[in-house]
Amino acid sequence: MSDASTTTEPSADDVVAATEAKVREYLSSFEDVDTAEDGSCSLQYGSARVFVTTGVFDEDQTIVRVKAQCVSGAKASAELFKHVATFQADVGHLTVTEDADGTAGILFSHSLMGEFLNPAELRMTVVAVAYEADRLDDELAEKFGGTVYDADSNNG
């Protein structure tokens, strides 16, 4: 019988650190994965850079966010917000961030529950987000203004 006073649940920081370690291990099959001091990872595909971050979900669980900035400096407009609200993708979704200067950023992202994370699902999610962001970024920049993440590396 264990004494409840000596048994401790892992902290949110411990759970996030464990999930970040899994993410780094699962992404090790990709070439040129950059790992930042904050535990996030990123990799380039065409004109898109995909960022993989881990955070707390519901106090004791983790969430893994896979996202790519498609466009920076877009014109914030009703047309942009309607496009994002009605856009459908098989995996992932678009979001808009409003910047202090009145422009908007357009991101493509998908999230996974860290507790159930498996290598194939994470790798395929990274591939799907990278592919979709690289495919969509030029079209979005043309339609709503702004610039793609790295136009010089564009595969399209």
Protein backbone atom coordinates (compact mmCIF):
# COMPACT_ATOMS: atom_id res chain seq x y z
CA MET A 1 0.00 0.00 0.00
CA SER A 2 1.44 3.36 -0.93
CA ASP A 3 1.32 6.45 1.19
CA ALA A 4 -0.62 9.14 -0.70
CA SER A 5 1.46 11.86 0.91
CA THR A 6 4.63 10.59 -0.80
CA THR A 7 3.09 9.92 -4.22
CA THR A 8 3.23 12.91 -6.54
CA GLU A 9 1.70 13.41 -9.91
CA PRO A 10 4.05 14.66 -12.64
CA SER A 11 3.93 18.42 -13.05
CA ALA A 12 2.66 20.05 -16.22
CA ASP A 13 6.27 20.99 -17.03
CA ASP A 14 7.33 17.33 -16.70
CA VAL A 15 4.51 16.14 -18.97
CA VAL A 16 5.36 18.79 -21.59
CA ALA A 17 9.08 17.92 -21.42
CA ALA A 18 8.31 14.21 -21.92
CA THR A 19 6.11 14.98 -24.93
CA GLU A 20 8.75 17.32 -26.39
CA ALA A 21 11.28 14.49 -26.13
CA LYS A 22 8.90 12.17 -28.01
CA VAL A 23 8.37 14.84 -30.68
CA ARG A 24 12.13 15.26 -31.19
CA GLU A 25 12.56 11.48 -31.42
CA TYR A 26 9.64 11.06 -33.86
CA LEU A 27 10.89 13.89 -36.10
CA SER A 28 14.48 12.60 -36.18
CA SER A 29 13.74 10.75 -39.45
CA PHE A 30 13.36 14.12 -41.24
CA GLU A 31 16.43 15.93 -42.52
CA ASP A 32 17.27 19.42 -41.26
CA VAL A 33 14.99 19.62 -38.23
CA ASP A 34 15.90 22.63 -36.09
CA THR A 35 15.32 22.39 -32.35
CA ALA A 36 15.00 25.57 -30.32
CA GLU A 37 15.88 26.09 -26.66
CA ASP A 38 12.15 26.32 -25.83
CA GLY A 39 11.67 22.70 -27.00
CA SER A 40 9.97 23.54 -30.29
CA CYS A 41 11.08 22.05 -33.60
CA SER A 42 10.85 23.41 -37.13
CA LEU A 43 11.64 22.38 -40.66
CA GLN A 44 11.44 23.97 -44.09
CA TYR A 45 9.40 22.68 -47.03
CA GLY A 46 9.35 24.83 -50.13
CA SER A 47 8.34 28.32 -49.11
CA ALA A 48 6.79 27.14 -45.82
CA ARG A 49 8.42 26.60 -42.44
CA VAL A 50 6.56 24.20 -40.17
CA PHE A 51 6.78 24.70 -36.41
CA VAL A 52 5.97 21.94 -33.92
CA THR A 53 5.27 23.10 -30.36
CA THR A 54 4.02 21.34 -27.26
CA GLY A 55 1.84 22.87 -24.58
CA VAL A 56 -0.43 22.04 -21.68
CA PHE A 57 -3.98 20.89 -22.33
CA ASP A 58 -6.47 20.52 -19.47
CA GLU A 59 -3.86 20.92 -16.70
CA ASP A 60 -2.27 17.44 -16.92
CA GLN A 61 -2.29 16.59 -20.62
CA THR A 62 -0.32 17.90 -23.59
CA ILE A 63 -1.21 19.12 -27.02
CA VAL A 64 1.17 19.11 -29.99
CA ARG A 65 0.59 21.98 -32.41
CA VAL A 66 1.88 21.71 -35.98
CA LYS A 67 1.62 25.04 -37.80
CA ALA A 68 3.03 26.99 -40.70
CA GLN A 69 2.80 30.70 -41.40
CA CYS A 70 1.45 30.94 -44.95
CA VAL A 71 1.37 34.73 -45.25
CA SER A 72 2.56 37.72 -43.22
CA GLY A 73 1.30 41.24 -43.72
CA ALA A 74 -1.99 40.39 -45.43
CA LYS A 75 -4.76 42.95 -45.60
CA ALA A 76 -7.21 42.26 -42.76
CA SER A 77 -10.62 42.33 -44.44
CA ALA A 78 -14.08 40.81 -44.26
CA GLU A 79 -13.20 38.86 -47.42
CA LEU A 80 -10.14 37.32 -45.71
CA PHE A 81 -12.08 36.38 -42.57
CA LYS A 82 -14.89 34.85 -44.66
CA HIS A 83 -12.36 32.86 -46.71
CA VAL A 84 -10.72 31.47 -43.58
CA ALA A 85 -14.07 30.73 -41.90
CA THR A 86 -15.35 28.76 -44.88
CA PHE A 87 -12.10 27.08 -45.97
CA GLN A 88 -12.13 23.29 -45.67
CA ALA A 89 -9.14 20.95 -45.73
CA ASP A 90 -8.88 17.21 -45.19
CA VAL A 91 -6.32 17.76 -42.42
CA GLY A 92 -5.81 21.06 -40.65
CA HIS A 93 -7.34 24.49 -40.91
CA LEU A 94 -6.52 28.12 -41.62
CA THR A 95 -6.46 30.80 -38.93
CA VAL A 96 -5.85 34.54 -38.99
CA THR A 97 -3.80 36.51 -36.50
CA GLU A 98 -4.20 40.27 -36.35
CA ASP A 99 -0.94 42.15 -35.98
CA ALA A 100 -0.46 45.45 -34.14
CA ASP A 101 0.15 47.28 -37.43
CA GLY A 102 -3.33 46.36 -38.72
CA THR A 103 -2.15 43.61 -41.05
CA ALA A 104 -2.92 39.92 -40.67
CA GLY A 105 -1.00 36.67 -40.62
CA ILE A 106 -2.50 33.56 -42.19
CA LEU A 107 -1.53 30.21 -40.68
CA PHE A 108 -2.28 26.60 -41.57
CA SER A 109 -2.25 24.23 -38.60
CA HIS A 110 -3.37 20.97 -37.03
CA SER A 111 -3.14 19.80 -33.40
CA LEU A 112 -2.68 16.36 -31.89
CA MET A 113 -3.20 15.08 -28.35
CA GLY A 114 0.21 14.38 -26.80
CA GLU A 115 -0.98 11.47 -24.67
CA PHE A 116 -1.87 9.43 -27.77
CA LEU A 117 0.93 10.67 -30.04
CA ASN A 118 2.51 8.11 -32.32
CA PRO A 119 5.42 8.52 -34.75
CA ALA A 120 3.54 7.93 -38.01
CA GLU A 121 0.70 10.29 -37.13
CA LEU A 122 3.07 13.11 -36.15
CA ARG A 123 5.25 12.71 -39.25
CA MET A 124 2.22 12.57 -41.57
CA THR A 125 0.70 15.63 -39.88
CA VAL A 126 3.95 17.55 -40.40
CA VAL A 127 4.01 16.49 -44.06
CA ALA A 128 0.33 17.44 -44.55
CA VAL A 129 0.73 20.86 -42.93
CA ALA A 130 3.95 21.56 -44.86
CA TYR A 131 2.44 20.50 -48.16
CA GLU A 132 -0.79 22.47 -47.68
CA ALA A 133 0.98 25.63 -46.45
CA ASP A 134 3.41 25.53 -49.39
CA ARG A 135 0.53 24.90 -51.80
CA LEU A 136 -1.71 27.66 -50.41
CA ASP A 137 0.72 30.46 -49.55
CA ASP A 138 1.20 32.00 -53.01
CA GLU A 139 -2.53 31.95 -53.74
CA LEU A 140 -3.34 33.54 -50.36
CA ALA A 141 -0.68 36.25 -50.76
CA GLU A 142 -1.95 37.07 -54.25
CA LYS A 143 -5.55 37.28 -53.09
CA PHE A 144 -5.08 39.04 -49.72
CA GLY A 145 -1.67 40.72 -50.02
CA GLY A 146 1.36 40.17 -47.84
CA THR A 147 4.33 37.88 -48.32
CA VAL A 148 4.94 34.15 -48.06
CA TYR A 149 7.37 32.84 -45.44
CA ASP A 150 10.27 32.19 -47.84
CA ALA A 151 9.41 32.94 -51.47
CA ASP A 152 13.00 32.21 -52.56
CA SER A 153 12.61 28.54 -51.57
CA ASN A 154 9.26 28.01 -53.27
CA ASN A 155 8.68 24.55 -54.76
CA GLY A 156 5.50 25.70 -56.52
